[in-house]
Amino acid sequence: MPPTFLGEYHRLDVGFAFEKGSPLTKAFQAAVNELIKNGTYARILKKWGTSASAIDTSRINPPEHT
């Protein structure tokens, strides 16, 4: 049986961790920002009913999380 998403209870920011100085950090950020720009990100969130959790841009070390 496939998993069932029951809805979003509380917005929770999600992040990805890379080793400090990793060349993947900026590449991953660029990839996420491209998904946002081309609409793929919005389609994924809509499919799972979590559009309210959308971010406008991917950030590295946002100030609210440091």
Protein backbone atom coordinates (compact mmCIF):
# COMPACT_ATOMS: atom_id res chain seq x y z
CA MET A 1 0.00 0.00 0.00
CA PRO A 2 1.50 3.41 -0.93
CA PRO A 3 2.04 5.99 1.82
CA THR A 4 -0.82 8.40 2.48
CA PHE A 5 -0.23 12.03 3.35
CA LEU A 6 -2.76 13.06 5.97
CA GLY A 7 -2.18 16.81 5.78
CA GLU A 8 0.14 19.36 7.22
CA TYR A 9 -0.18 19.85 10.95
CA HIS A 10 2.51 22.45 11.52
CA ARG A 11 4.93 24.16 9.18
CA LEU A 12 8.43 22.88 9.71
CA ASP A 13 11.36 24.31 7.84
CA VAL A 14 13.46 21.58 6.31
CA GLY A 15 17.12 21.85 5.51
CA PHE A 16 19.95 19.81 4.11
CA ALA A 17 23.35 19.57 5.74
CA PHE A 18 26.64 19.53 3.90
CA GLU A 19 30.17 19.51 5.25
CA LYS A 20 31.41 23.07 5.75
CA GLY A 21 33.01 24.26 2.51
CA SER A 22 31.47 21.48 0.44
CA PRO A 23 31.23 22.29 -3.28
CA LEU A 24 27.79 20.66 -3.22
CA THR A 25 26.28 23.42 -1.08
CA LYS A 26 25.92 26.07 -3.77
CA ALA A 27 25.12 23.49 -6.46
CA PHE A 28 22.27 22.11 -4.34
CA GLN A 29 21.01 25.61 -3.60
CA ALA A 30 21.04 26.42 -7.33
CA ALA A 31 19.15 23.21 -8.11
CA VAL A 32 16.43 23.97 -5.54
CA ASN A 33 16.14 27.54 -6.82
CA GLU A 34 15.75 26.20 -10.37
CA LEU A 35 12.91 23.92 -9.19
CA ILE A 36 11.26 26.98 -7.62
CA LYS A 37 11.78 29.06 -10.77
CA ASN A 38 10.45 26.48 -13.24
CA GLY A 39 7.38 25.57 -11.18
CA THR A 40 8.36 22.00 -10.28
CA TYR A 41 8.67 22.87 -6.59
CA ALA A 42 5.13 24.33 -6.51
CA ARG A 43 3.71 21.26 -8.29
CA ILE A 44 5.35 18.92 -5.75
CA LEU A 45 4.01 20.90 -2.80
CA LYS A 46 0.54 21.07 -4.37
CA LYS A 47 0.51 17.29 -4.93
CA TRP A 48 1.20 16.70 -1.23
CA GLY A 49 -1.06 19.50 0.03
CA THR A 50 1.76 21.49 1.59
CA SER A 51 1.74 24.63 -0.56
CA ALA A 52 1.51 26.81 2.56
CA SER A 53 5.05 25.71 3.45
CA ALA A 54 6.56 27.04 0.23
CA ILE A 55 9.73 29.10 0.35
CA ASP A 56 10.57 31.85 -2.13
CA THR A 57 14.23 31.00 -2.43
CA SER A 58 16.74 28.48 -1.11
CA ARG A 59 19.15 30.03 1.37
CA ILE A 60 22.39 28.92 2.97
CA ASN A 61 22.51 29.41 6.75
CA PRO A 62 19.42 31.64 7.02
CA PRO A 63 19.69 34.00 9.99
CA GLU A 64 16.62 32.59 11.75
CA HIS A 65 18.42 29.23 12.02
CA THR A 66 21.83 30.33 13.24
